[in-house]
Every structure is written in structure tokens, then in C-alpha cells.
Amino acid sequence: MNKRDAYLWLNSIEGITNKNIQIIKENINNIEALIHLSDKEIYDLKNINLKIKQNIVKYKSLTFLDEIKNNLKKENVEYICIEEKGYPENLKYIHNAPSILFYKGDISLVNKNFNLAMVGSRKATTYGINCAKSIGKSLSNLGINIISGLAIGIDSYAHMSCIGGNGKTIAVLGSPVNNILPKKNIYLANKILEDGGLILSDYNINSKIFPSNYANRNRIISGISDGVIVVEAAKKSGALITVDFALEQGKNVFAIPGNINSFMSEGCNKIIKEGAILINNIEDILNEYEILNIKQEENLKNYENTGLNKESIQIIDTIKKQGVLHIDEICDNTRMEIKSVNAILSELVLKDVLIEMNNKTYSLNV
């Protein structure tokens, strides 16, 4: 038995947790030797309760291991252990690092390029959705991978914004990879794989699903990332659990500010007050890492060469200088009639030059 199969075997035994595996590893030098120990030697293991020892003895069989591997093969699920080459480098050194990961897709993505996590509310507003789509798409165009949790809301839009770009998207689940939850995101999971992305979990196939799984998986979302972006979150949002893990792991935390009167912005505004990096655009993120990427310049639109008329260019330049503007503010700044401005804005949104946010508010799509 090799190391990866030893971890798989242990992970599949009823009652054994990731922490139990770490304790067993401390007991013996070579974890792959465990299956060959005598019953007495297993019962002599320290800091492991009797029930777990009994289960190890009960399932001390290569036939049991072969059955597990066959089940994984039927589901087209791969696995990798913490001691293997290719295991996520960023993940190895976090507290309670998963001993084994189960996945579908390209596992090499976790050690490739730059990975940023994007998380937020399940009850996303139009503002939050537009921010997630805009930032995710821009980062993906620069070849940056986007990580999220495949939940409804901001997570889903974070994944979708990355698909088709130069970056890939990684979904970390709180359920086994053969049991996509929520069910409505099965289609999205398939699109992630078709695009060359990755679906990842530390839960073996057919494992029971507990509410605590989703909080625990957040340590992986932040663990494999180089930083965490919070797009929209209420004061007690689950996304803030990911922030806690990120801070514990020494990762940068970015937050998009929101309306001070919006319940869904309370979480972001709170962590900004506590030291999260406020971001208005992707440059705020790239500058933090001192990323000098020629692709960024190539992907920023040269609006002067898009064949737009001078009124359109004037509106674009106004928004570029001012940031996010309401249609009334655009009229005030350009001294143009609202009817003309409205028609131009509609055209620019259709051409993917601008993004329309809440209540006729517009920002550049860069």
C-alpha cells in the first residue's frame, strides 16, 4: 500500500476525522504501514478512542480498499494526499490541512498562476451580482483563477464570470464531488469542468453531509487562494467565516464597499473598518500584489478606437474620471439631455463597455 492509498483507506473508515488521521500519523512514522500492524499495535495507539481503533481493526483489509477505489473509479473521481506532489502547496501549511482531497477536473490549477477567492451572500443584490461579474471577468481575462464555493448567489456569479476567460475557476464543495449541492448548480458544475476548471472536496464520495461541512470547507477556499475578495455580505454572512480563515492563514482580504443603508453591505463595510482592503476596481487588487502584467494593458479597452461617437466617448471619459455615476450625475457632468444620455448608455451596455448597476447607476466594464 502506498501513502495515497493509506490516506484513502483511513479516510473511508467510519468515525475517522482529518484530525484523527493527523494523530495516527504522529503515532507511526510511515502511515502506509498502519494496515500491516497487529491488532495489539493498533490498540496501543495513543490519543485515539477505542471505537476508532476497533473500526481500524475491523476494516484492516485490502479488499475494503479495493472496493473504495472501484467506487471512486465508477464516479470518475480522483484523489490526492497531502504527501503527494501536486497537492496544493498553499494548503499544506494551514491549520487542519486536509489529509486527502477528492476532485474532478484539473488539479494542477491549484499550483498554477494566481488564485483569488471570491465569496459573498447567497441573497445577492443586483449591485453585488454586477460587481462579481465585472471583477471576476476582468481577473479571468488576466489569467487569474477564481475560487469559490458553488453556492447560489455571489459564488455562482464568481464562477460564471471566470468561464471562457484566460483564467479557470475552482469550486470547493461542502459535499462530495459526486453529490453537487445545491442541485440547481449541477449545470454550472458541468460547465466548470467543460471549461477546464476544477471541482474539489475533502469529503469522500457518499459521505454524510452535515451543516458544519460548509464552514469547514471555507478553510480550503482561503487556503488554496492568494487572497480573498468579499463582494457582498450581511453582518452575519457565512462569507465572513472565509475571512476569518484567511486572516488566520495570513492572506490578504479585499472587500467591495456597499450602500450604508443596505443590510447586504453591512458585512463588507464592517470588515473594511476592521482593516480589509477597500477595492473599487481590479487595479486595487493588482497593486496590492505588485502585479505588473502586460496582459492587463492589452485587455483594458482602448475606447478611443472602438468607433464610438464623441458623445459616447465623453460619457465614458466622465465615468472613467468619476467612477460609478448615476444617470443624473452623468447629465450634470456632460451637460447633455437625459434622453440622449439614456440612449447612449443603453448602447454602451449592449456593447459591454459599461455595466448598469442599481437604479440607473453605471460603471466601466474593465
Protein backbone atom coordinates (compact mmCIF):
# COMPACT_ATOMS: atom_id res chain seq x y z
CA MET A 1 0.00 0.00 0.00
CA ASN A 2 1.35 3.44 -0.95
CA LYS A 3 0.82 6.65 1.00
CA ARG A 4 -2.12 7.95 -1.05
CA ASP A 5 -3.98 4.66 -0.64
CA ALA A 6 -3.22 4.63 3.09
CA TYR A 7 -4.83 8.04 3.46
CA LEU A 8 -7.79 6.94 1.31
CA TRP A 9 -8.26 3.79 3.40
CA LEU A 10 -8.19 5.71 6.69
CA ASN A 11 -10.47 8.47 5.40
CA SER A 12 -13.05 5.84 4.42
CA ILE A 13 -13.28 4.20 7.85
CA GLU A 14 -16.36 5.20 9.80
CA GLY A 15 -15.73 7.73 12.57
CA ILE A 16 -12.24 8.79 11.47
CA THR A 17 -11.78 12.53 11.04
CA ASN A 18 -8.97 14.51 9.48
CA LYS A 19 -7.65 15.27 12.97
CA ASN A 20 -7.66 11.54 13.83
CA ILE A 21 -5.53 10.87 10.75
CA GLN A 22 -3.05 13.54 11.85
CA ILE A 23 -2.83 11.95 15.32
CA ILE A 24 -2.30 8.48 13.83
CA LYS A 25 0.44 9.92 11.64
CA GLU A 26 2.15 11.27 14.78
CA ASN A 27 1.96 7.78 16.32
CA ILE A 28 3.75 5.99 13.49
CA ASN A 29 6.45 7.15 11.09
CA ASN A 30 5.01 5.59 7.94
CA ILE A 31 1.24 5.86 7.69
CA GLU A 32 1.17 3.22 4.94
CA ALA A 33 2.46 0.68 7.50
CA LEU A 34 -0.70 1.01 9.65
CA ILE A 35 -2.65 -1.65 7.77
CA HIS A 36 0.15 -4.15 8.43
CA LEU A 37 0.27 -3.56 12.20
CA SER A 38 -1.00 -6.25 14.53
CA ASP A 39 -4.31 -5.71 16.31
CA LYS A 40 -2.41 -5.17 19.57
CA GLU A 41 -0.21 -2.49 17.99
CA ILE A 42 -3.31 -0.70 16.72
CA TYR A 43 -4.95 -0.84 20.15
CA ASP A 44 -1.74 0.64 21.61
CA LEU A 45 -2.04 3.82 19.50
CA LYS A 46 -2.09 6.92 21.71
CA ASN A 47 -4.80 9.62 21.81
CA ILE A 48 -7.23 7.60 19.68
CA ASN A 49 -10.50 6.46 21.21
CA LEU A 50 -11.39 2.79 21.45
CA LYS A 51 -14.26 2.88 18.94
CA ILE A 52 -11.96 4.22 16.21
CA LYS A 53 -9.31 1.60 16.99
CA GLN A 54 -11.97 -1.10 16.73
CA ASN A 55 -13.05 0.21 13.32
CA ILE A 56 -9.45 0.29 12.06
CA VAL A 57 -9.06 -3.35 13.05
CA LYS A 58 -12.45 -4.20 11.54
CA TYR A 59 -11.60 -2.68 8.13
CA LYS A 60 -7.94 -3.73 8.06
CA SER A 61 -8.35 -5.26 4.63
CA LEU A 62 -7.02 -4.61 1.14
CA THR A 63 -10.35 -5.86 -0.17
CA PHE A 64 -12.05 -2.95 1.59
CA LEU A 65 -9.57 -0.56 -0.03
CA ASP A 66 -10.12 -2.06 -3.49
CA GLU A 67 -13.87 -1.59 -3.11
CA ILE A 68 -13.39 2.11 -2.25
CA LYS A 69 -11.10 2.65 -5.25
CA ASN A 70 -13.56 0.90 -7.57
CA ASN A 71 -16.39 3.14 -6.34
CA LEU A 72 -14.28 6.23 -7.00
CA LYS A 73 -13.45 4.98 -10.48
CA LYS A 74 -17.14 4.44 -11.28
CA GLU A 75 -17.82 8.06 -10.33
CA ASN A 76 -14.77 9.34 -12.26
CA VAL A 77 -13.43 10.90 -9.05
CA GLU A 78 -9.69 11.29 -8.49
CA TYR A 79 -7.88 11.74 -5.15
CA ILE A 80 -4.59 13.13 -3.89
CA CYS A 81 -2.97 13.01 -0.45
CA ILE A 82 -1.06 15.69 1.42
CA GLU A 83 2.28 13.94 0.90
CA GLU A 84 1.96 13.75 -2.88
CA LYS A 85 3.48 16.03 -5.45
CA GLY A 86 0.67 18.11 -6.92
CA TYR A 87 -1.17 18.61 -3.64
CA PRO A 88 -1.95 22.35 -3.24
CA GLU A 89 1.20 24.00 -1.88
CA ASN A 90 -0.72 26.83 -0.20
CA LEU A 91 -2.90 24.31 1.61
CA LYS A 92 -0.19 22.17 3.20
CA TYR A 93 0.64 24.61 5.96
CA ILE A 94 -2.79 25.73 7.17
CA HIS A 95 -4.31 24.53 10.43
CA ASN A 96 -6.16 21.23 9.95
CA ALA A 97 -4.93 20.84 6.37
CA PRO A 98 -6.97 18.11 4.59
CA SER A 99 -5.06 14.82 4.55
CA ILE A 100 -6.75 13.86 1.31
CA LEU A 101 -8.68 15.71 -1.39
CA PHE A 102 -11.20 14.34 -3.88
CA TYR A 103 -11.66 16.07 -7.21
CA LYS A 104 -12.84 16.20 -10.79
CA GLY A 105 -11.00 18.30 -13.35
CA ASP A 106 -7.53 19.80 -13.47
CA ILE A 107 -5.86 19.55 -10.04
CA SER A 108 -2.76 21.32 -11.36
CA LEU A 109 -4.72 24.60 -11.35
CA VAL A 110 -4.20 24.94 -7.59
CA ASN A 111 -0.46 25.36 -8.10
CA LYS A 112 -0.69 27.33 -11.35
CA ASN A 113 -0.81 31.06 -11.96
CA PHE A 114 -2.51 33.25 -9.36
CA ASN A 115 -5.60 32.18 -7.43
CA LEU A 116 -8.08 34.57 -5.82
CA ALA A 117 -11.16 33.52 -3.88
CA MET A 118 -14.41 35.43 -4.36
CA VAL A 119 -17.20 34.95 -1.83
CA GLY A 120 -20.39 36.69 -0.79
CA SER A 121 -24.05 36.47 0.05
CA ARG A 122 -26.42 33.81 -1.20
CA LYS A 123 -29.10 36.55 -1.37
CA ALA A 124 -27.17 38.74 -3.76
CA THR A 125 -28.49 42.11 -4.92
CA THR A 126 -28.18 43.44 -8.46
CA TYR A 127 -25.27 45.58 -7.26
CA GLY A 128 -23.45 42.57 -5.82
CA ILE A 129 -24.09 40.43 -8.90
CA ASN A 130 -22.76 43.13 -11.24
CA CYS A 131 -19.66 43.62 -9.09
CA ALA A 132 -18.95 39.87 -9.01
CA LYS A 133 -19.41 39.54 -12.77
CA SER A 134 -17.29 42.57 -13.61
CA ILE A 135 -14.38 41.85 -11.27
CA GLY A 136 -14.40 38.11 -11.94
CA LYS A 137 -14.38 38.59 -15.70
CA SER A 138 -11.58 41.17 -15.57
CA LEU A 139 -9.42 38.97 -13.34
CA SER A 140 -10.05 35.92 -15.51
CA ASN A 141 -9.09 37.88 -18.63
CA LEU A 142 -5.73 38.48 -16.96
CA GLY A 143 -5.24 34.74 -16.43
CA ILE A 144 -6.12 34.78 -12.73
CA ASN A 145 -8.05 31.77 -11.42
CA ILE A 146 -11.21 32.40 -9.37
CA ILE A 147 -12.08 30.16 -6.41
CA SER A 148 -15.50 29.99 -4.76
CA GLY A 149 -17.91 27.60 -3.08
CA LEU A 150 -20.52 26.86 -5.79
CA ALA A 151 -23.31 28.21 -3.57
CA ILE A 152 -26.17 30.21 -5.06
CA GLY A 153 -25.70 33.96 -5.15
CA ILE A 154 -22.28 35.60 -5.37
CA ASP A 155 -20.42 32.25 -5.53
CA SER A 156 -22.30 31.23 -8.66
CA TYR A 157 -21.67 34.53 -10.43
CA ALA A 158 -18.00 34.41 -9.44
CA HIS A 159 -17.66 31.03 -11.16
CA MET A 160 -19.70 32.05 -14.20
CA SER A 161 -17.71 35.27 -14.70
CA CYS A 162 -14.48 33.27 -14.99
CA ILE A 163 -15.71 30.72 -17.53
CA GLY A 164 -14.46 31.48 -21.02
CA GLY A 165 -11.65 33.75 -19.82
CA ASN A 166 -7.91 33.12 -19.65
CA GLY A 167 -8.23 32.06 -16.01
CA LYS A 168 -10.06 28.98 -14.76
CA THR A 169 -12.47 28.58 -11.90
CA ILE A 170 -12.21 26.23 -8.92
CA ALA A 171 -15.26 25.15 -6.90
CA VAL A 172 -14.70 23.90 -3.35
CA LEU A 173 -17.65 21.87 -2.06
CA GLY A 174 -19.08 21.12 1.35
CA SER A 175 -20.43 17.88 -0.12
CA PRO A 176 -18.77 15.03 -2.04
CA VAL A 177 -17.88 15.85 -5.65
CA ASN A 178 -20.37 13.22 -6.85
CA ASN A 179 -23.17 14.96 -4.95
CA ILE A 180 -23.31 18.57 -6.18
CA LEU A 181 -25.28 20.83 -3.87
CA PRO A 182 -27.37 22.84 -4.42
CA LYS A 183 -28.83 20.65 -7.16
CA LYS A 184 -29.63 23.71 -9.26
CA ASN A 185 -25.87 24.22 -9.72
CA ILE A 186 -25.20 20.82 -11.29
CA TYR A 187 -25.30 22.53 -14.70
CA LEU A 188 -22.78 25.13 -13.52
CA ALA A 189 -20.51 22.40 -12.13
CA ASN A 190 -20.52 20.69 -15.52
CA LYS A 191 -19.70 23.98 -17.25
CA ILE A 192 -16.75 24.48 -14.89
CA LEU A 193 -15.34 21.09 -15.89
CA GLU A 194 -16.03 21.65 -19.61
CA ASP A 195 -14.06 24.91 -19.36
CA GLY A 196 -11.03 23.10 -17.88
CA GLY A 197 -11.73 24.04 -14.27
CA LEU A 198 -11.72 22.03 -11.05
CA ILE A 199 -14.24 20.76 -8.50
CA LEU A 200 -12.70 19.90 -5.15
CA SER A 201 -13.76 18.48 -1.78
CA ASP A 202 -12.21 16.88 1.27
CA TYR A 203 -15.30 14.67 1.65
CA ASN A 204 -15.22 11.18 0.20
CA ILE A 205 -17.98 10.09 -2.16
CA ASN A 206 -21.20 9.04 -0.45
CA SER A 207 -20.16 10.77 2.79
CA LYS A 208 -22.92 12.08 5.03
CA ILE A 209 -23.46 15.82 4.74
CA PHE A 210 -23.61 17.94 7.88
CA PRO A 211 -24.25 21.71 8.15
CA SER A 212 -20.74 22.12 9.61
CA ASN A 213 -19.25 20.88 6.31
CA TYR A 214 -19.82 24.25 4.69
CA ALA A 215 -18.00 26.23 7.35
CA ASN A 216 -15.13 23.71 7.31
CA ARG A 217 -14.71 23.86 3.53
CA ASN A 218 -14.12 27.62 3.79
CA ARG A 219 -10.64 26.92 5.20
CA ILE A 220 -9.86 25.28 1.85
CA ILE A 221 -11.30 28.16 -0.21
CA SER A 222 -9.00 30.61 1.55
CA GLY A 223 -6.20 28.06 1.91
CA ILE A 224 -5.66 27.49 -1.82
CA SER A 225 -6.05 31.19 -2.63
CA ASP A 226 -3.57 34.06 -2.63
CA GLY A 227 -6.24 36.38 -1.27
CA VAL A 228 -9.99 36.61 -0.61
CA ILE A 229 -12.43 39.09 -2.16
CA VAL A 230 -15.72 39.67 -0.34
CA VAL A 231 -18.22 41.09 -2.80
CA GLU A 232 -21.36 41.43 -0.72
CA ALA A 233 -22.13 40.11 2.75
CA ALA A 234 -24.54 40.70 5.59
CA LYS A 235 -23.19 41.21 9.12
CA LYS A 236 -23.52 37.50 9.95
CA SER A 237 -22.81 36.14 6.46
CA GLY A 238 -21.10 32.77 6.04
CA ALA A 239 -18.66 34.56 3.74
CA LEU A 240 -17.14 36.17 6.83
CA ILE A 241 -16.12 32.70 8.06
CA THR A 242 -13.87 32.54 4.99
CA VAL A 243 -12.47 35.94 6.01
CA ASP A 244 -11.62 34.58 9.49
CA PHE A 245 -9.76 31.65 7.93
CA ALA A 246 -7.97 33.97 5.51
CA LEU A 247 -6.77 36.21 8.33
CA GLU A 248 -5.65 33.18 10.34
CA GLN A 249 -3.71 31.97 7.28
CA GLY A 250 -2.11 35.36 6.65
CA LYS A 251 -3.94 36.07 3.38
CA ASN A 252 -5.00 39.47 2.04
CA VAL A 253 -8.69 40.26 2.44
CA PHE A 254 -10.39 42.61 -0.02
CA ALA A 255 -13.92 43.99 0.25
CA ILE A 256 -16.21 45.92 -2.07
CA PRO A 257 -17.93 48.77 -0.21
CA GLY A 258 -21.69 48.99 -0.30
CA ASN A 259 -24.59 51.27 0.48
CA ILE A 260 -24.51 52.17 4.20
CA ASN A 261 -28.28 51.67 4.31
CA SER A 262 -28.17 48.21 2.76
CA PHE A 263 -28.43 45.20 5.07
CA MET A 264 -26.48 43.19 2.49
CA SER A 265 -23.49 45.54 2.71
CA GLU A 266 -23.09 45.54 6.48
CA GLY A 267 -20.55 42.71 6.46
CA CYS A 268 -18.30 44.28 3.81
CA ASN A 269 -18.42 47.73 5.39
CA LYS A 270 -17.65 46.19 8.79
CA ILE A 271 -14.52 44.33 7.66
CA ILE A 272 -13.31 47.42 5.76
CA LYS A 273 -13.48 49.33 9.06
CA GLU A 274 -11.52 46.48 10.65
CA GLY A 275 -8.73 46.61 8.06
CA ALA A 276 -9.87 44.80 4.91
CA ILE A 277 -8.59 46.44 1.72
CA LEU A 278 -11.30 48.51 0.05
CA ILE A 279 -11.47 47.92 -3.68
CA ASN A 280 -13.17 49.95 -6.39
CA ASN A 281 -11.63 48.08 -9.32
CA ILE A 282 -9.17 45.28 -10.08
CA GLU A 283 -6.24 47.70 -10.07
CA ASP A 284 -6.66 47.95 -6.28
CA ILE A 285 -6.10 44.18 -6.12
CA LEU A 286 -3.26 44.01 -8.63
CA ASN A 287 -1.40 46.89 -6.99
CA GLU A 288 -1.51 45.11 -3.62
CA TYR A 289 0.42 42.21 -5.11
CA GLU A 290 2.55 44.49 -7.29
CA ILE A 291 1.45 42.52 -10.30
CA LEU A 292 2.82 44.16 -13.43
CA ASN A 293 1.03 42.24 -16.14
CA ILE A 294 1.23 43.27 -19.78
CA LYS A 295 -1.98 41.35 -20.38
CA GLN A 296 -3.77 43.83 -18.17
CA GLU A 297 -2.90 46.67 -20.53
CA GLU A 298 -3.84 44.54 -23.51
CA ASN A 299 -7.25 43.74 -22.05
CA LEU A 300 -8.18 47.24 -20.94
CA LYS A 301 -10.34 48.68 -23.71
CA ASN A 302 -8.93 51.50 -25.79
CA TYR A 303 -12.27 53.23 -26.06
CA GLU A 304 -11.00 55.89 -28.46
CA ASN A 305 -10.56 53.16 -31.11
CA THR A 306 -13.95 51.49 -30.77
CA GLY A 307 -15.67 53.58 -33.45
CA LEU A 308 -17.91 55.34 -30.89
CA ASN A 309 -19.09 58.91 -31.48
CA LYS A 310 -17.77 61.85 -29.47
CA GLU A 311 -20.80 61.94 -27.14
CA SER A 312 -20.23 58.28 -26.20
CA ILE A 313 -16.52 58.95 -25.61
CA GLN A 314 -17.42 61.95 -23.45
CA ILE A 315 -19.70 59.83 -21.26
CA ILE A 316 -17.08 57.08 -20.97
CA ASP A 317 -14.39 59.58 -20.00
CA THR A 318 -16.69 61.12 -17.39
CA ILE A 319 -17.36 57.76 -15.78
CA LYS A 320 -13.67 56.88 -16.02
CA LYS A 321 -12.78 60.01 -14.04
CA GLN A 322 -15.64 59.91 -11.54
CA GLY A 323 -16.07 56.16 -11.01
CA VAL A 324 -19.64 54.90 -10.56
CA LEU A 325 -22.22 57.51 -11.63
CA HIS A 326 -26.00 57.82 -11.67
CA ILE A 327 -27.58 58.88 -14.96
CA ASP A 328 -28.48 62.29 -13.46
CA GLU A 329 -24.84 62.85 -12.48
CA ILE A 330 -23.74 61.91 -15.99
CA CYS A 331 -26.15 64.51 -17.41
CA ASP A 332 -24.85 67.14 -14.99
CA ASN A 333 -21.21 66.42 -15.86
CA THR A 334 -21.67 66.24 -19.62
CA ARG A 335 -24.45 68.89 -19.91
CA MET A 336 -26.30 66.53 -22.23
CA GLU A 337 -30.06 65.90 -22.33
CA ILE A 338 -31.23 62.87 -20.35
CA LYS A 339 -32.99 61.39 -23.40
CA SER A 340 -29.72 61.36 -25.39
CA VAL A 341 -27.71 60.11 -22.41
CA ASN A 342 -30.16 57.28 -21.79
CA ALA A 343 -29.93 56.10 -25.42
CA ILE A 344 -26.11 56.22 -25.38
CA LEU A 345 -25.92 54.38 -22.07
CA SER A 346 -28.17 51.61 -23.39
CA GLU A 347 -25.90 51.23 -26.43
CA LEU A 348 -22.73 51.13 -24.30
CA VAL A 349 -24.23 48.47 -22.02
CA LEU A 350 -25.14 46.35 -25.03
CA LYS A 351 -21.59 46.73 -26.35
CA ASP A 352 -20.27 45.54 -22.96
CA VAL A 353 -18.44 48.85 -22.46
CA LEU A 354 -20.48 49.81 -19.37
CA ILE A 355 -22.21 47.87 -16.61
CA GLU A 356 -25.60 49.03 -15.35
CA MET A 357 -25.89 48.70 -11.58
CA ASN A 358 -28.75 49.63 -9.26
CA ASN A 359 -31.19 52.45 -10.10
CA LYS A 360 -29.64 53.65 -13.37
CA THR A 361 -26.09 53.75 -11.97
CA TYR A 362 -23.23 52.91 -14.34
CA SER A 363 -19.58 51.86 -14.16
CA LEU A 364 -16.91 50.89 -16.70
CA ASN A 365 -16.62 47.22 -17.60
CA VAL A 366 -12.81 46.87 -17.26
